[in-house]
Amino acid sequence: MRNSSARLPQLNGDVFITDGGIETTLIFEFGLDLPLFAAFLLLDSEEGRNALTAYYRRHAAIAAHNARGFIFESATWRASPDWGERLGYPVSEIERFNKRSIDLMCAVKHEFPRLNGVMSGCIGPRGDGYEPGSLMTVAEAEAYHAVQAYAFADTQADLVTAITMTNTPEAIGITRAAQSAGMPVVISFTVETDGRLPTGQMLGDAIEEVDAATGNAPAYFMLNCAHPDHFRDTLKSGGPWLRRLCGIRANASRLSHAELDEAEELDDGNPEETGRDYAELKAMLPHLVVFGGCCGTDHRHIEQACLATAPASISI
């Protein structure tokens, strides 16, 4: 079991990048079928593993070329018990997929011996990433997400990252599951066009609630699956909680989540605009150290983010 208090290299002040919208890239660029947006299914075929390897290799090369650290995020956003059951896989197989995802990323990392690479096990929401649906209790969320947390603890993963969290009980439950497994944890909330969580809770209140319930257990917090226009004002008016926000994985599209759900074509925005947005956010909040993408973004957006965010030397 890991030491969940271990300091992560991305908290030493240097800028790290991570990948873009893995599912949308695999579907729209690679032409792959991902039932229920489940990228972890690709781990079960040679073609799928080759696609994932190419995906990670392309992003890692950008980081290596620009002398930046890189956070490898596993293709396991859907690799949890309920989603696995819907796809016909028992829990034992879901555990296997989570472990194999880390092994594949480690193999890519070895191709870049000078790269400061960090292995992150991705945990997604039990329900939809846009709608909170029926909220679990904290205890229910902890029990549910422990499957992935403990699977990652049995690998070379450095941390777990909960992506597109829509509500605080689930975020608290994941944090406690990670603590129990001895894994550092990062919580990334998704927000709507008004800068609030899908539950209507203000972002700052959500971060403060998770910290209060867990003794500041998350290593840091992130924002994802929203365009900077949707949360820029929230960040400008924020309070002390902003120091806990250390990463952004923004959408390229300005569409709302409801509009994205209805869209038949990918809205990949403008990569250069993504770079300008990230440069502005970095100037606003110099302690931001992790930059990546979400829906509609790919290696072009990540490269622009990499070029636009100057290295920092700020201790968090």
C-alpha atoms as a PDB file:
ATOM      1  CA  MET A   1       0.000   0.000   0.000  1.00  0.00           C
ATOM      2  CA  ARG A   2       1.237   3.481  -0.913  1.00  0.00           C
ATOM      3  CA  ASN A   3       1.964   6.499   1.206  1.00  0.00           C
ATOM      4  CA  SER A   4      -0.887   8.852   0.351  1.00  0.00           C
ATOM      5  CA  SER A   5       1.039  11.817   1.781  1.00  0.00           C
ATOM      6  CA  ALA A   6       3.895  11.399  -0.714  1.00  0.00           C
ATOM      7  CA  ARG A   7       4.636  14.661  -2.500  1.00  0.00           C
ATOM      8  CA  LEU A   8       3.889  14.619  -6.200  1.00  0.00           C
ATOM      9  CA  PRO A   9       6.454  16.115  -8.614  1.00  0.00           C
ATOM     10  CA  GLN A  10       3.858  18.415 -10.191  1.00  0.00           C
ATOM     11  CA  LEU A  11       3.612  20.194  -6.836  1.00  0.00           C
ATOM     12  CA  ASN A  12       7.213  21.336  -6.938  1.00  0.00           C
ATOM     13  CA  GLY A  13       6.274  24.365  -9.029  1.00  0.00           C
ATOM     14  CA  ASP A  14       7.140  23.338 -12.587  1.00  0.00           C
ATOM     15  CA  VAL A  15       4.440  23.253 -15.236  1.00  0.00           C
ATOM     16  CA  PHE A  16       3.197  19.812 -16.234  1.00  0.00           C
ATOM     17  CA  ILE A  17       0.955  19.060 -19.162  1.00  0.00           C
ATOM     18  CA  THR A  18      -1.424  16.169 -19.558  1.00  0.00           C
ATOM     19  CA  ASP A  19      -3.452  14.846 -22.461  1.00  0.00           C
ATOM     20  CA  GLY A  20      -6.560  16.128 -24.214  1.00  0.00           C
ATOM     21  CA  GLY A  21     -10.007  14.648 -24.656  1.00  0.00           C
ATOM     22  CA  ILE A  22      -9.063  11.003 -25.020  1.00  0.00           C
ATOM     23  CA  GLU A  23     -12.510   9.631 -25.830  1.00  0.00           C
ATOM     24  CA  THR A  24     -13.415  12.278 -28.420  1.00  0.00           C
ATOM     25  CA  THR A  25      -9.979  11.946 -30.049  1.00  0.00           C
ATOM     26  CA  LEU A  26     -10.221   8.160 -30.263  1.00  0.00           C
ATOM     27  CA  ILE A  27     -13.722   8.343 -31.721  1.00  0.00           C
ATOM     28  CA  PHE A  28     -13.453  11.257 -34.144  1.00  0.00           C
ATOM     29  CA  GLU A  29      -9.788  11.129 -35.174  1.00  0.00           C
ATOM     30  CA  PHE A  30      -8.872   7.461 -34.760  1.00  0.00           C
ATOM     31  CA  GLY A  31     -12.300   6.300 -35.961  1.00  0.00           C
ATOM     32  CA  LEU A  32     -12.758   3.826 -33.105  1.00  0.00           C
ATOM     33  CA  ASP A  33     -16.014   2.638 -31.602  1.00  0.00           C
ATOM     34  CA  LEU A  34     -16.252   3.304 -27.855  1.00  0.00           C
ATOM     35  CA  PRO A  35     -19.540   1.960 -26.470  1.00  0.00           C
ATOM     36  CA  LEU A  36     -20.696   4.180 -23.589  1.00  0.00           C
ATOM     37  CA  PHE A  37     -17.496   6.234 -24.097  1.00  0.00           C
ATOM     38  CA  ALA A  38     -15.545   3.351 -22.546  1.00  0.00           C
ATOM     39  CA  ALA A  39     -11.962   3.716 -23.788  1.00  0.00           C
ATOM     40  CA  PHE A  40     -10.754   0.966 -21.458  1.00  0.00           C
ATOM     41  CA  LEU A  41     -12.260  -1.609 -23.847  1.00  0.00           C
ATOM     42  CA  LEU A  42      -9.376  -0.901 -26.236  1.00  0.00           C
ATOM     43  CA  LEU A  43      -6.996  -2.598 -23.823  1.00  0.00           C
ATOM     44  CA  ASP A  44      -8.464  -5.958 -24.819  1.00  0.00           C
ATOM     45  CA  SER A  45      -7.283  -5.953 -28.445  1.00  0.00           C
ATOM     46  CA  GLU A  46      -3.982  -5.412 -30.217  1.00  0.00           C
ATOM     47  CA  GLU A  47      -5.546  -2.741 -32.429  1.00  0.00           C
ATOM     48  CA  GLY A  48      -6.907  -0.933 -29.391  1.00  0.00           C
ATOM     49  CA  ARG A  49      -3.654  -1.108 -27.458  1.00  0.00           C
ATOM     50  CA  ASN A  50      -1.780   0.211 -30.489  1.00  0.00           C
ATOM     51  CA  ALA A  51      -4.194   3.149 -30.725  1.00  0.00           C
ATOM     52  CA  LEU A  52      -3.781   3.987 -27.035  1.00  0.00           C
ATOM     53  CA  THR A  53      -0.002   3.697 -27.324  1.00  0.00           C
ATOM     54  CA  ALA A  54       0.018   6.080 -30.303  1.00  0.00           C
ATOM     55  CA  TYR A  55      -2.234   8.477 -28.414  1.00  0.00           C
ATOM     56  CA  TYR A  56      -0.017   8.632 -25.318  1.00  0.00           C
ATOM     57  CA  ARG A  57       3.201   8.651 -27.354  1.00  0.00           C
ATOM     58  CA  ARG A  58       2.087  11.737 -29.296  1.00  0.00           C
ATOM     59  CA  HIS A  59       1.286  13.700 -26.145  1.00  0.00           C
ATOM     60  CA  ALA A  60       4.404  12.568 -24.272  1.00  0.00           C
ATOM     61  CA  ALA A  61       6.537  13.649 -27.229  1.00  0.00           C
ATOM     62  CA  ILE A  62       5.152  17.178 -26.959  1.00  0.00           C
ATOM     63  CA  ALA A  63       6.076  17.318 -23.281  1.00  0.00           C
ATOM     64  CA  ALA A  64       9.537  15.869 -23.896  1.00  0.00           C
ATOM     65  CA  HIS A  65      10.249  18.240 -26.792  1.00  0.00           C
ATOM     66  CA  ASN A  66       9.357  21.231 -24.611  1.00  0.00           C
ATOM     67  CA  ALA A  67      11.149  19.929 -21.507  1.00  0.00           C
ATOM     68  CA  ARG A  68       7.895  19.738 -19.534  1.00  0.00           C
ATOM     69  CA  GLY A  69       6.661  17.101 -17.174  1.00  0.00           C
ATOM     70  CA  PHE A  70       3.792  14.935 -18.376  1.00  0.00           C
ATOM     71  CA  ILE A  71       0.926  13.346 -16.457  1.00  0.00           C
ATOM     72  CA  PHE A  72      -0.200  10.103 -18.075  1.00  0.00           C
ATOM     73  CA  GLU A  73      -3.962   9.764 -17.413  1.00  0.00           C
ATOM     74  CA  SER A  74      -5.294   6.227 -17.782  1.00  0.00           C
ATOM     75  CA  ALA A  75      -8.113   5.318 -20.172  1.00  0.00           C
ATOM     76  CA  THR A  76     -10.316   4.157 -17.293  1.00  0.00           C
ATOM     77  CA  TRP A  77     -12.898   6.911 -16.886  1.00  0.00           C
ATOM     78  CA  ARG A  78     -15.588   4.255 -17.415  1.00  0.00           C
ATOM     79  CA  ALA A  79     -13.718   1.321 -15.818  1.00  0.00           C
ATOM     80  CA  SER A  80     -15.875   1.036 -12.689  1.00  0.00           C
ATOM     81  CA  PRO A  81     -18.336  -1.690 -11.611  1.00  0.00           C
ATOM     82  CA  ASP A  82     -21.659  -0.250 -12.870  1.00  0.00           C
ATOM     83  CA  TRP A  83     -20.303   0.751 -16.277  1.00  0.00           C
ATOM     84  CA  GLY A  84     -18.459  -2.553 -16.539  1.00  0.00           C
ATOM     85  CA  GLU A  85     -21.664  -4.477 -15.812  1.00  0.00           C
ATOM     86  CA  ARG A  86     -23.492  -2.562 -18.537  1.00  0.00           C
ATOM     87  CA  LEU A  87     -20.727  -3.602 -20.927  1.00  0.00           C
ATOM     88  CA  GLY A  88     -20.786  -7.228 -19.805  1.00  0.00           C
ATOM     89  CA  TYR A  89     -17.720  -7.340 -17.539  1.00  0.00           C
ATOM     90  CA  PRO A  90     -17.616  -8.581 -13.921  1.00  0.00           C
ATOM     91  CA  VAL A  91     -15.736  -6.671 -11.236  1.00  0.00           C
ATOM     92  CA  SER A  92     -12.718  -8.962 -11.518  1.00  0.00           C
ATOM     93  CA  GLU A  93     -12.328  -7.998 -15.164  1.00  0.00           C
ATOM     94  CA  ILE A  94     -12.755  -4.312 -14.347  1.00  0.00           C
ATOM     95  CA  GLU A  95      -9.904  -4.582 -11.851  1.00  0.00           C
ATOM     96  CA  ARG A  96      -7.784  -6.168 -14.563  1.00  0.00           C
ATOM     97  CA  PHE A  97      -8.520  -3.381 -17.027  1.00  0.00           C
ATOM     98  CA  ASN A  98      -7.500  -0.723 -14.507  1.00  0.00           C
ATOM     99  CA  LYS A  99      -4.190  -2.455 -13.859  1.00  0.00           C
ATOM    100  CA  ARG A 100      -3.463  -3.004 -17.546  1.00  0.00           C
ATOM    101  CA  SER A 101      -4.075   0.667 -18.273  1.00  0.00           C
ATOM    102  CA  ILE A 102      -1.175   1.638 -16.012  1.00  0.00           C
ATOM    103  CA  ASP A 103       1.084  -1.024 -17.507  1.00  0.00           C
ATOM    104  CA  LEU A 104       0.468   0.348 -21.009  1.00  0.00           C
ATOM    105  CA  MET A 105       1.283   3.922 -19.968  1.00  0.00           C
ATOM    106  CA  CYS A 106       4.438   2.788 -18.174  1.00  0.00           C
ATOM    107  CA  ALA A 107       5.601   1.129 -21.391  1.00  0.00           C
ATOM    108  CA  VAL A 108       5.194   4.432 -23.253  1.00  0.00           C
ATOM    109  CA  LYS A 109       6.974   6.341 -20.499  1.00  0.00           C
ATOM    110  CA  HIS A 110      10.010   4.071 -20.910  1.00  0.00           C
ATOM    111  CA  GLU A 111      10.328   5.325 -24.488  1.00  0.00           C
ATOM    112  CA  PHE A 112      11.103   8.789 -23.084  1.00  0.00           C
ATOM    113  CA  PRO A 113      13.854   8.225 -20.494  1.00  0.00           C
ATOM    114  CA  ARG A 114      14.343  11.948 -19.801  1.00  0.00           C
ATOM    115  CA  LEU A 115      10.640  12.683 -19.403  1.00  0.00           C
ATOM    116  CA  ASN A 116       9.422  13.547 -15.916  1.00  0.00           C
ATOM    117  CA  GLY A 117       6.351  11.356 -16.191  1.00  0.00           C
ATOM    118  CA  VAL A 118       3.636  10.806 -13.594  1.00  0.00           C
ATOM    119  CA  MET A 119       1.203   7.882 -13.735  1.00  0.00           C
ATOM    120  CA  SER A 120      -2.397   8.787 -12.856  1.00  0.00           C
ATOM    121  CA  GLY A 121      -5.222   6.289 -12.511  1.00  0.00           C
ATOM    122  CA  CYS A 122      -8.388   7.941 -13.805  1.00  0.00           C
ATOM    123  CA  ILE A 123     -11.644   7.493 -11.900  1.00  0.00           C
ATOM    124  CA  GLY A 124     -14.867   8.727 -13.473  1.00  0.00           C
ATOM    125  CA  PRO A 125     -18.290   9.342 -11.957  1.00  0.00           C
ATOM    126  CA  ARG A 126     -20.636   6.474 -11.196  1.00  0.00           C
ATOM    127  CA  GLY A 127     -23.276   8.250 -13.232  1.00  0.00           C
ATOM    128  CA  ASP A 128     -23.100  10.719 -16.089  1.00  0.00           C
ATOM    129  CA  GLY A 129     -20.284  13.247 -16.291  1.00  0.00           C
ATOM    130  CA  TYR A 130     -22.718  16.073 -17.012  1.00  0.00           C
ATOM    131  CA  GLU A 131     -25.705  15.266 -14.773  1.00  0.00           C
ATOM    132  CA  PRO A 132     -25.394  14.394 -11.071  1.00  0.00           C
ATOM    133  CA  GLY A 133     -28.494  12.175 -11.162  1.00  0.00           C
ATOM    134  CA  SER A 134     -29.282  10.367  -7.913  1.00  0.00           C
ATOM    135  CA  LEU A 135     -26.582  11.304  -5.431  1.00  0.00           C
ATOM    136  CA  MET A 136     -24.832   8.608  -3.437  1.00  0.00           C
ATOM    137  CA  THR A 137     -23.995   9.009   0.195  1.00  0.00           C
ATOM    138  CA  VAL A 138     -20.330   9.481   1.002  1.00  0.00           C
ATOM    139  CA  ALA A 139     -20.160   5.894   2.304  1.00  0.00           C
ATOM    140  CA  GLU A 140     -21.748   4.520  -0.863  1.00  0.00           C
ATOM    141  CA  ALA A 141     -19.326   6.480  -3.032  1.00  0.00           C
ATOM    142  CA  GLU A 142     -16.340   5.290  -1.001  1.00  0.00           C
ATOM    143  CA  ALA A 143     -17.384   1.648  -1.322  1.00  0.00           C
ATOM    144  CA  TYR A 144     -18.131   1.937  -5.033  1.00  0.00           C
ATOM    145  CA  HIS A 145     -14.914   3.687  -6.051  1.00  0.00           C
ATOM    146  CA  ALA A 146     -12.678   1.582  -3.814  1.00  0.00           C
ATOM    147  CA  VAL A 147     -12.563  -1.002  -6.625  1.00  0.00           C
ATOM    148  CA  GLN A 148     -10.536   1.325  -8.836  1.00  0.00           C
ATOM    149  CA  ALA A 149      -8.557   2.939  -6.022  1.00  0.00           C
ATOM    150  CA  TYR A 150      -7.301  -0.420  -4.751  1.00  0.00           C
ATOM    151  CA  ALA A 151      -6.623  -1.695  -8.267  1.00  0.00           C
ATOM    152  CA  PHE A 152      -4.407   1.320  -8.943  1.00  0.00           C
ATOM    153  CA  ALA A 153      -2.660   0.892  -5.594  1.00  0.00           C
ATOM    154  CA  ASP A 154      -1.478  -2.497  -6.878  1.00  0.00           C
ATOM    155  CA  THR A 155       0.309  -0.887  -9.860  1.00  0.00           C
ATOM    156  CA  GLN A 156       2.980   1.701 -10.555  1.00  0.00           C
ATOM    157  CA  ALA A 157       0.379   4.493 -10.489  1.00  0.00           C
ATOM    158  CA  ASP A 158       1.545   7.576  -8.600  1.00  0.00           C
ATOM    159  CA  LEU A 159      -1.929   8.918  -7.832  1.00  0.00           C
ATOM    160  CA  VAL A 160      -5.596   8.659  -8.720  1.00  0.00           C
ATOM    161  CA  THR A 161      -7.490  11.496 -10.375  1.00  0.00           C
ATOM    162  CA  ALA A 162     -11.270  11.771 -10.224  1.00  0.00           C
ATOM    163  CA  ILE A 163     -12.409  13.413 -13.462  1.00  0.00           C
ATOM    164  CA  THR A 164     -15.727  15.217 -14.144  1.00  0.00           C
ATOM    165  CA  MET A 165     -16.986  15.141 -10.580  1.00  0.00           C
ATOM    166  CA  THR A 166     -20.460  16.661 -10.450  1.00  0.00           C
ATOM    167  CA  ASN A 167     -21.133  16.590  -6.705  1.00  0.00           C
ATOM    168  CA  THR A 168     -19.331  16.684  -3.374  1.00  0.00           C
ATOM    169  CA  PRO A 169     -20.541  13.429  -1.722  1.00  0.00           C
ATOM    170  CA  GLU A 170     -18.994  11.425  -4.557  1.00  0.00           C
ATOM    171  CA  ALA A 171     -15.810  13.503  -4.446  1.00  0.00           C
ATOM    172  CA  ILE A 172     -15.514  12.964  -0.688  1.00  0.00           C
ATOM    173  CA  GLY A 173     -16.155   9.240  -1.084  1.00  0.00           C
ATOM    174  CA  ILE A 174     -13.449   8.908  -3.735  1.00  0.00           C
ATOM    175  CA  THR A 175     -11.027  10.851  -1.574  1.00  0.00           C
ATOM    176  CA  ARG A 176     -11.642   8.500   1.352  1.00  0.00           C
ATOM    177  CA  ALA A 177     -11.330   5.424  -0.884  1.00  0.00           C
ATOM    178  CA  ALA A 178      -7.984   6.690  -2.147  1.00  0.00           C
ATOM    179  CA  GLN A 179      -6.840   7.431   1.397  1.00  0.00           C
ATOM    180  CA  SER A 180      -7.773   3.913   2.448  1.00  0.00           C
ATOM    181  CA  ALA A 181      -5.788   2.504  -0.472  1.00  0.00           C
ATOM    182  CA  GLY A 182      -2.828   4.719   0.386  1.00  0.00           C
ATOM    183  CA  MET A 183      -2.995   6.667  -2.872  1.00  0.00           C
ATOM    184  CA  PRO A 184      -2.622  10.434  -3.378  1.00  0.00           C
ATOM    185  CA  VAL A 185      -5.802  11.789  -4.945  1.00  0.00           C
ATOM    186  CA  VAL A 186      -6.768  14.745  -7.126  1.00  0.00           C
ATOM    187  CA  ILE A 187     -10.379  15.875  -7.505  1.00  0.00           C
ATOM    188  CA  SER A 188     -11.430  17.565 -10.757  1.00  0.00           C
ATOM    189  CA  PHE A 189     -14.869  19.178 -10.798  1.00  0.00           C
ATOM    190  CA  THR A 190     -16.884  19.900 -13.914  1.00  0.00           C
ATOM    191  CA  VAL A 191     -18.871  23.127 -14.038  1.00  0.00           C
ATOM    192  CA  GLU A 192     -21.705  24.477 -16.127  1.00  0.00           C
ATOM    193  CA  THR A 193     -21.742  27.687 -18.191  1.00  0.00           C
ATOM    194  CA  ASP A 194     -22.413  29.658 -14.988  1.00  0.00           C
ATOM    195  CA  GLY A 195     -19.281  28.343 -13.290  1.00  0.00           C
ATOM    196  CA  ARG A 196     -21.258  26.213 -10.819  1.00  0.00           C
ATOM    197  CA  LEU A 197     -21.284  22.447 -10.398  1.00  0.00           C
ATOM    198  CA  PRO A 198     -24.193  20.629 -12.092  1.00  0.00           C
ATOM    199  CA  THR A 199     -25.794  20.434  -8.628  1.00  0.00           C
ATOM    200  CA  GLY A 200     -25.848  24.233  -8.529  1.00  0.00           C
ATOM    201  CA  GLN A 201     -23.180  24.435  -5.839  1.00  0.00           C
ATOM    202  CA  MET A 202     -20.535  27.108  -6.187  1.00  0.00           C
ATOM    203  CA  LEU A 203     -17.098  25.768  -7.058  1.00  0.00           C
ATOM    204  CA  GLY A 204     -15.398  27.351  -4.063  1.00  0.00           C
ATOM    205  CA  ASP A 205     -17.993  25.922  -1.692  1.00  0.00           C
ATOM    206  CA  ALA A 206     -17.493  22.459  -3.185  1.00  0.00           C
ATOM    207  CA  ILE A 207     -13.718  22.585  -2.748  1.00  0.00           C
ATOM    208  CA  GLU A 208     -14.047  23.845   0.813  1.00  0.00           C
ATOM    209  CA  GLU A 209     -16.619  21.138   1.632  1.00  0.00           C
ATOM    210  CA  VAL A 210     -14.369  18.331   0.389  1.00  0.00           C
ATOM    211  CA  ASP A 211     -11.406  19.738   2.282  1.00  0.00           C
ATOM    212  CA  ALA A 212     -13.424  20.119   5.487  1.00  0.00           C
ATOM    213  CA  ALA A 213     -14.758  16.550   5.268  1.00  0.00           C
ATOM    214  CA  THR A 214     -11.380  14.959   4.537  1.00  0.00           C
ATOM    215  CA  GLY A 215      -8.860  17.096   6.396  1.00  0.00           C
ATOM    216  CA  ASN A 216      -7.538  18.652   3.171  1.00  0.00           C
ATOM    217  CA  ALA A 217      -6.760  15.153   1.877  1.00  0.00           C
ATOM    218  CA  PRO A 218      -6.756  15.848  -1.898  1.00  0.00           C
ATOM    219  CA  ALA A 219      -3.301  16.758  -3.159  1.00  0.00           C
ATOM    220  CA  TYR A 220      -5.028  19.517  -5.137  1.00  0.00           C
ATOM    221  CA  PHE A 221      -8.150  20.228  -7.165  1.00  0.00           C
ATOM    222  CA  MET A 222      -8.739  20.746 -10.857  1.00  0.00           C
ATOM    223  CA  LEU A 223     -11.443  22.001 -13.226  1.00  0.00           C
ATOM    224  CA  ASN A 224     -12.420  20.171 -16.390  1.00  0.00           C
ATOM    225  CA  CYS A 225     -15.039  19.788 -19.122  1.00  0.00           C
ATOM    226  CA  ALA A 226     -15.898  23.488 -19.441  1.00  0.00           C
ATOM    227  CA  HIS A 227     -14.653  26.314 -21.638  1.00  0.00           C
ATOM    228  CA  PRO A 228     -12.623  29.037 -19.865  1.00  0.00           C
ATOM    229  CA  ASP A 229     -15.415  31.511 -20.669  1.00  0.00           C
ATOM    230  CA  HIS A 230     -17.649  29.452 -18.389  1.00  0.00           C
ATOM    231  CA  PHE A 231     -15.479  29.722 -15.285  1.00  0.00           C
ATOM    232  CA  ARG A 232     -13.200  32.732 -15.778  1.00  0.00           C
ATOM    233  CA  ASP A 233     -15.424  35.055 -13.714  1.00  0.00           C
ATOM    234  CA  THR A 234     -15.682  32.431 -10.957  1.00  0.00           C
ATOM    235  CA  LEU A 235     -11.897  32.354 -10.698  1.00  0.00           C
ATOM    236  CA  LYS A 236     -11.630  36.145 -10.754  1.00  0.00           C
ATOM    237  CA  SER A 237     -14.030  36.447  -7.812  1.00  0.00           C
ATOM    238  CA  GLY A 238     -12.659  33.484  -5.847  1.00  0.00           C
ATOM    239  CA  GLY A 239     -11.293  33.393  -2.323  1.00  0.00           C
ATOM    240  CA  PRO A 240      -8.627  31.427  -0.422  1.00  0.00           C
ATOM    241  CA  TRP A 241      -9.880  28.179  -1.981  1.00  0.00           C
ATOM    242  CA  LEU A 242      -8.224  29.228  -5.236  1.00  0.00           C
ATOM    243  CA  ARG A 243      -4.867  28.150  -3.806  1.00  0.00           C
ATOM    244  CA  ARG A 244      -6.178  24.585  -3.829  1.00  0.00           C
ATOM    245  CA  LEU A 245      -6.977  24.756  -7.551  1.00  0.00           C
ATOM    246  CA  CYS A 246      -3.813  23.725  -9.394  1.00  0.00           C
ATOM    247  CA  GLY A 247      -4.937  22.356 -12.755  1.00  0.00           C
ATOM    248  CA  ILE A 248      -7.234  23.015 -15.713  1.00  0.00           C
ATOM    249  CA  ARG A 249      -8.507  20.615 -18.377  1.00  0.00           C
ATOM    250  CA  ALA A 250     -10.764  22.877 -20.405  1.00  0.00           C
ATOM    251  CA  ASN A 251     -13.055  22.164 -23.338  1.00  0.00           C
ATOM    252  CA  ALA A 252     -12.260  23.675 -26.717  1.00  0.00           C
ATOM    253  CA  SER A 253     -15.976  24.248 -27.282  1.00  0.00           C
ATOM    254  CA  ARG A 254     -18.105  26.990 -25.759  1.00  0.00           C
ATOM    255  CA  LEU A 255     -21.204  24.791 -26.014  1.00  0.00           C
ATOM    256  CA  SER A 256     -23.054  23.833 -22.860  1.00  0.00           C
ATOM    257  CA  HIS A 257     -23.079  20.227 -21.719  1.00  0.00           C
ATOM    258  CA  ALA A 258     -26.642  19.857 -23.003  1.00  0.00           C
ATOM    259  CA  GLU A 259     -25.599  21.194 -26.404  1.00  0.00           C
ATOM    260  CA  LEU A 260     -22.563  18.907 -26.513  1.00  0.00           C
ATOM    261  CA  ASP A 261     -24.827  15.944 -25.803  1.00  0.00           C
ATOM    262  CA  GLU A 262     -26.977  16.853 -28.817  1.00  0.00           C
ATOM    263  CA  ALA A 263     -24.093  17.693 -31.176  1.00  0.00           C
ATOM    264  CA  GLU A 264     -23.518  15.265 -34.055  1.00  0.00           C
ATOM    265  CA  GLU A 265     -20.146  16.724 -35.035  1.00  0.00           C
ATOM    266  CA  LEU A 266     -17.089  17.409 -32.917  1.00  0.00           C
ATOM    267  CA  ASP A 267     -16.544  21.033 -31.937  1.00  0.00           C
ATOM    268  CA  ASP A 268     -12.766  21.252 -31.610  1.00  0.00           C
ATOM    269  CA  GLY A 269     -12.668  25.028 -31.210  1.00  0.00           C
ATOM    270  CA  ASN A 270      -9.382  26.782 -31.944  1.00  0.00           C
ATOM    271  CA  PRO A 271      -6.099  25.402 -30.559  1.00  0.00           C
ATOM    272  CA  GLU A 272      -4.402  28.811 -30.656  1.00  0.00           C
ATOM    273  CA  GLU A 273      -7.295  30.273 -28.674  1.00  0.00           C
ATOM    274  CA  THR A 274      -6.871  27.512 -26.108  1.00  0.00           C
ATOM    275  CA  GLY A 275      -3.246  28.576 -25.727  1.00  0.00           C
ATOM    276  CA  ARG A 276      -4.229  32.211 -25.238  1.00  0.00           C
ATOM    277  CA  ASP A 277      -6.877  31.243 -22.682  1.00  0.00           C
ATOM    278  CA  TYR A 278      -4.353  29.185 -20.720  1.00  0.00           C
ATOM    279  CA  ALA A 279      -1.781  31.978 -20.820  1.00  0.00           C
ATOM    280  CA  GLU A 280      -4.403  34.307 -19.339  1.00  0.00           C
ATOM    281  CA  LEU A 281      -5.372  31.796 -16.643  1.00  0.00           C
ATOM    282  CA  LYS A 282      -1.728  31.215 -15.767  1.00  0.00           C
ATOM    283  CA  ALA A 283      -1.172  34.962 -15.418  1.00  0.00           C
ATOM    284  CA  MET A 284      -4.283  35.219 -13.237  1.00  0.00           C
ATOM    285  CA  LEU A 285      -3.330  32.248 -11.059  1.00  0.00           C
ATOM    286  CA  PRO A 286       0.454  31.719 -11.178  1.00  0.00           C
ATOM    287  CA  HIS A 287       0.196  28.619  -8.968  1.00  0.00           C
ATOM    288  CA  LEU A 288      -1.607  26.659 -11.718  1.00  0.00           C
ATOM    289  CA  VAL A 289       0.786  23.870 -12.690  1.00  0.00           C
ATOM    290  CA  VAL A 290      -1.223  21.275 -14.647  1.00  0.00           C
ATOM    291  CA  PHE A 291      -2.699  22.018 -18.068  1.00  0.00           C
ATOM    292  CA  GLY A 292      -4.567  19.610 -20.309  1.00  0.00           C
ATOM    293  CA  GLY A 293      -7.772  19.323 -22.274  1.00  0.00           C
ATOM    294  CA  CYS A 294     -11.193  17.739 -22.227  1.00  0.00           C
ATOM    295  CA  CYS A 295     -13.985  17.276 -24.780  1.00  0.00           C
ATOM    296  CA  GLY A 296     -12.929  18.217 -28.306  1.00  0.00           C
ATOM    297  CA  THR A 297      -9.270  18.855 -27.522  1.00  0.00           C
ATOM    298  CA  ASP A 298      -6.356  16.897 -28.941  1.00  0.00           C
ATOM    299  CA  HIS A 299      -2.572  17.133 -29.250  1.00  0.00           C
ATOM    300  CA  ARG A 300      -2.836  20.480 -31.093  1.00  0.00           C
ATOM    301  CA  HIS A 301      -4.515  22.134 -28.124  1.00  0.00           C
ATOM    302  CA  ILE A 302      -2.044  20.523 -25.720  1.00  0.00           C
ATOM    303  CA  GLU A 303       0.897  21.785 -27.738  1.00  0.00           C
ATOM    304  CA  GLN A 304      -0.505  25.324 -27.644  1.00  0.00           C
ATOM    305  CA  ALA A 305      -1.121  25.034 -23.916  1.00  0.00           C
ATOM    306  CA  CYS A 306       2.443  23.846 -23.469  1.00  0.00           C
ATOM    307  CA  LEU A 307       3.857  26.788 -25.411  1.00  0.00           C
ATOM    308  CA  ALA A 308       1.611  29.337 -23.698  1.00  0.00           C
ATOM    309  CA  THR A 309       2.303  28.435 -20.067  1.00  0.00           C
ATOM    310  CA  ALA A 310       5.741  29.439 -18.881  1.00  0.00           C
ATOM    311  CA  PRO A 311       7.460  27.295 -16.240  1.00  0.00           C
ATOM    312  CA  ALA A 312       7.012  28.464 -12.686  1.00  0.00           C
ATOM    313  CA  SER A 313       9.092  28.148  -9.565  1.00  0.00           C
ATOM    314  CA  ILE A 314       6.317  28.396  -7.016  1.00  0.00           C
ATOM    315  CA  SER A 315       6.067  25.985  -4.091  1.00  0.00           C
ATOM    316  CA  ILE A 316       2.513  24.894  -3.352  1.00  0.00           C
END
